[in-house]
Protein backbone atom coordinates (compact mmCIF):
# COMPACT_ATOMS: atom_id res chain seq x y z
CA UNK A 1 -61.21 140.13 -76.41
CA UNK A 2 -57.94 140.80 -74.67
CA UNK A 3 -55.99 138.08 -72.91
CA UNK A 4 -53.15 138.92 -70.59
CA UNK A 5 -51.22 136.15 -68.84
CA UNK A 6 -48.80 137.67 -66.38
CA UNK A 7 -46.39 135.32 -64.64
CA UNK A 8 -47.79 132.40 -66.60
CA UNK A 9 -45.03 130.05 -65.51
CA UNK A 10 -46.34 130.33 -61.97
CA UNK A 11 -49.97 129.69 -62.85
CA UNK A 12 -51.03 126.19 -61.81
CA UNK A 13 -54.23 125.98 -63.83
CA UNK A 14 -55.83 128.25 -66.41
CA UNK A 15 -59.53 127.82 -67.22
CA UNK A 16 -60.81 129.23 -70.51
CA UNK A 17 -64.54 129.90 -70.61
CA UNK A 18 -65.18 132.42 -73.38
CA UNK A 19 -68.17 132.30 -75.71
CA UNK A 20 -66.08 130.67 -78.46
CA UNK A 21 -64.58 127.19 -78.70
CA UNK A 22 -61.91 128.55 -81.03
CA UNK A 23 -60.87 131.25 -78.54
CA UNK A 24 -60.82 128.74 -75.69
CA UNK A 25 -58.57 126.43 -77.70
CA UNK A 26 -56.21 129.21 -78.79
CA UNK A 27 -55.90 130.73 -75.31
CA UNK A 28 -55.32 127.30 -73.76
CA UNK A 29 -52.59 126.44 -76.23
CA UNK A 30 -50.93 129.84 -75.85
CA UNK A 31 -51.03 129.47 -72.09
CA UNK A 32 -49.34 126.07 -72.31
CA UNK A 33 -46.74 127.60 -74.61
CA UNK A 34 -45.83 130.30 -72.08
CA UNK A 35 -45.58 127.89 -69.17
CA UNK A 36 -49.00 127.38 -67.60
CA UNK A 37 -48.91 123.93 -66.02
CA UNK A 38 -52.50 122.80 -66.65
CA UNK A 39 -55.30 124.07 -68.89
CA UNK A 40 -59.04 123.45 -68.73
CA UNK A 41 -61.24 124.59 -71.61
CA UNK A 42 -65.00 124.86 -71.85
CA UNK A 43 -66.13 123.31 -75.15
CA UNK A 44 -69.65 124.02 -76.38
CA UNK A 45 -69.46 121.55 -79.27
CA UNK A 46 -69.00 118.23 -77.49
CA UNK A 47 -67.46 116.61 -80.56
CA UNK A 48 -64.49 118.99 -80.24
CA UNK A 49 -63.52 117.80 -76.74
CA UNK A 50 -61.31 114.91 -77.92
CA UNK A 51 -59.64 117.24 -80.43
CA UNK A 52 -58.86 119.80 -77.71
CA UNK A 53 -57.23 117.13 -75.59
CA UNK A 54 -55.38 115.61 -78.57
CA UNK A 55 -53.63 118.91 -79.35
CA UNK A 56 -52.55 119.66 -75.79
CA UNK A 57 -55.41 121.00 -73.66
CA UNK A 58 -55.36 119.00 -70.42
CA UNK A 59 -59.12 118.88 -69.83
CA UNK A 60 -61.96 119.77 -72.20
CA UNK A 61 -65.37 120.09 -70.53
CA UNK A 62 -68.67 120.19 -72.36
CA UNK A 63 -71.31 121.70 -70.01
CA UNK A 64 -74.19 119.97 -71.82
CA UNK A 65 -72.64 116.53 -71.35
CA UNK A 66 -71.88 117.21 -67.70
CA UNK A 67 -75.47 118.36 -67.20
CA UNK A 68 -76.86 115.31 -69.03
CA UNK A 69 -74.76 113.00 -66.86
CA UNK A 70 -76.07 114.64 -63.70
CA UNK A 71 -79.70 114.49 -64.88
CA UNK A 72 -79.40 110.79 -65.73
CA UNK A 73 -77.73 110.10 -62.40
CA UNK A 74 -80.51 111.86 -60.46
CA UNK A 75 -83.33 110.25 -62.47
CA UNK A 76 -82.10 106.77 -61.61
CA UNK A 77 -83.55 107.18 -58.09
CA UNK A 78 -80.21 107.33 -56.33
CA UNK A 79 -79.04 103.95 -57.64
CA UNK A 80 -76.14 105.41 -59.60
CA UNK A 81 -73.34 106.98 -57.60
CA UNK A 82 -71.20 108.11 -60.54
CA UNK A 83 -71.90 108.22 -64.24
CA UNK A 84 -69.96 109.15 -67.36
CA UNK A 85 -71.12 109.13 -70.95
CA UNK A 86 -68.57 107.78 -73.44
CA UNK A 87 -68.22 107.40 -77.18
CA UNK A 88 -70.68 110.15 -78.11
CA UNK A 89 -73.27 108.88 -75.64
CA UNK A 90 -73.29 105.32 -77.02
CA UNK A 91 -72.16 103.85 -73.71
CA UNK A 92 -72.10 104.75 -70.06
CA UNK A 93 -69.78 103.99 -67.21
CA UNK A 94 -71.75 103.78 -63.99
CA UNK A 95 -70.85 103.08 -60.40
CA UNK A 96 -73.48 101.49 -58.18
CA UNK A 97 -73.64 100.21 -54.64
CA UNK A 98 -74.97 96.65 -54.71
CA UNK A 99 -78.08 96.04 -52.61
CA UNK A 100 -79.31 92.72 -51.24
CA UNK A 101 -82.04 92.69 -53.91
CA UNK A 102 -79.58 93.02 -56.81
CA UNK A 103 -79.06 90.12 -59.22
CA UNK A 104 -75.34 90.64 -58.56
CA UNK A 105 -75.56 90.08 -54.79
CA UNK A 106 -74.02 86.98 -53.20
CA UNK A 107 -73.41 85.26 -56.53
CA UNK A 108 -70.31 84.67 -58.65
CA UNK A 109 -70.05 87.13 -61.54
CA UNK A 110 -70.12 84.35 -64.17
CA UNK A 111 -73.51 83.29 -62.79
CA UNK A 112 -75.12 86.68 -62.14
CA UNK A 113 -74.02 88.23 -65.44
CA UNK A 114 -76.32 85.80 -67.27
CA UNK A 115 -79.26 87.73 -65.80
CA UNK A 116 -78.05 90.94 -67.48
CA UNK A 117 -77.95 91.96 -71.14
CA UNK A 118 -74.82 90.90 -73.02
CA UNK A 119 -73.77 94.55 -73.49
CA UNK A 120 -72.89 94.87 -69.76
CA UNK A 121 -69.29 94.55 -68.59
CA UNK A 122 -68.26 94.57 -64.94
CA UNK A 123 -65.09 96.64 -64.83
CA UNK A 124 -64.22 96.94 -61.14
CA UNK A 125 -65.37 96.03 -57.65
CA UNK A 126 -64.48 97.75 -54.39
CA UNK A 127 -65.27 96.40 -50.96
CA UNK A 128 -64.53 98.95 -48.28
CA UNK A 129 -61.04 100.15 -49.17
CA UNK A 130 -60.13 96.95 -51.03
CA UNK A 131 -60.02 96.94 -54.84
CA UNK A 132 -61.06 93.61 -56.35
CA UNK A 133 -60.25 92.71 -59.94
CA UNK A 134 -63.50 91.13 -61.18
CA UNK A 135 -63.16 87.54 -62.36
CA UNK A 136 -65.83 85.00 -63.20
CA UNK A 137 -65.60 83.40 -59.76
CA UNK A 138 -65.63 86.73 -57.86
CA UNK A 139 -68.63 86.91 -55.53
CA UNK A 140 -70.12 90.40 -55.25
CA UNK A 141 -71.56 91.19 -51.84
CA UNK A 142 -74.22 93.71 -50.79
CA UNK A 143 -72.49 97.01 -50.06
CA UNK A 144 -69.81 96.47 -52.71
CA UNK A 145 -69.32 99.26 -55.22
CA UNK A 146 -69.32 98.01 -58.80
CA UNK A 147 -68.29 99.88 -61.95
CA UNK A 148 -70.26 98.78 -65.01
CA UNK A 149 -69.83 99.57 -68.70
CA UNK A 150 -73.30 99.66 -70.27
CA UNK A 151 -74.65 100.42 -73.74
CA UNK A 152 -76.85 103.50 -73.38
CA UNK A 153 -79.89 101.90 -75.01
CA UNK A 154 -80.13 99.22 -72.29
CA UNK A 155 -79.42 101.37 -69.21
CA UNK A 156 -83.01 101.23 -67.92
CA UNK A 157 -83.16 97.45 -68.30
CA UNK A 158 -79.85 97.08 -66.45
CA UNK A 159 -80.88 99.44 -63.65
CA UNK A 160 -84.10 97.48 -63.12
CA UNK A 161 -82.10 94.26 -62.76
CA UNK A 162 -79.41 95.55 -60.45
């Protein structure tokens, strides 16, 4: 493998996508060292992603995790708008649009959350262009977008309720 970075100080972003995590890490770090502003590395071993970012790679992407996130999002019948797996797939961050049938609709959070498993945390609410910090007395309305933190093992139960 030969890597040539000409005019690296003028490169905005360098993406490394070789067949080796080690090569991707080395090339990314060398690129940063010669002045590349931002580096993105493909990481086949998902457990390495936090290490890549800890030592200076700006973004580490594991294609399997990205694919898994998309598959989960599509299998939830369009209910989930965005999804991210966190902590080695132990939890998920999901964004949903609240429907009129949802247990969250037209009720204060401190009341509606009792109908969900205890491992669910409401992290954010947006209504139109307005960001609402969720509090116990916040009333979620149909059409609101809600970000939830959910333990992976209860995702189906939560999706059935909301």
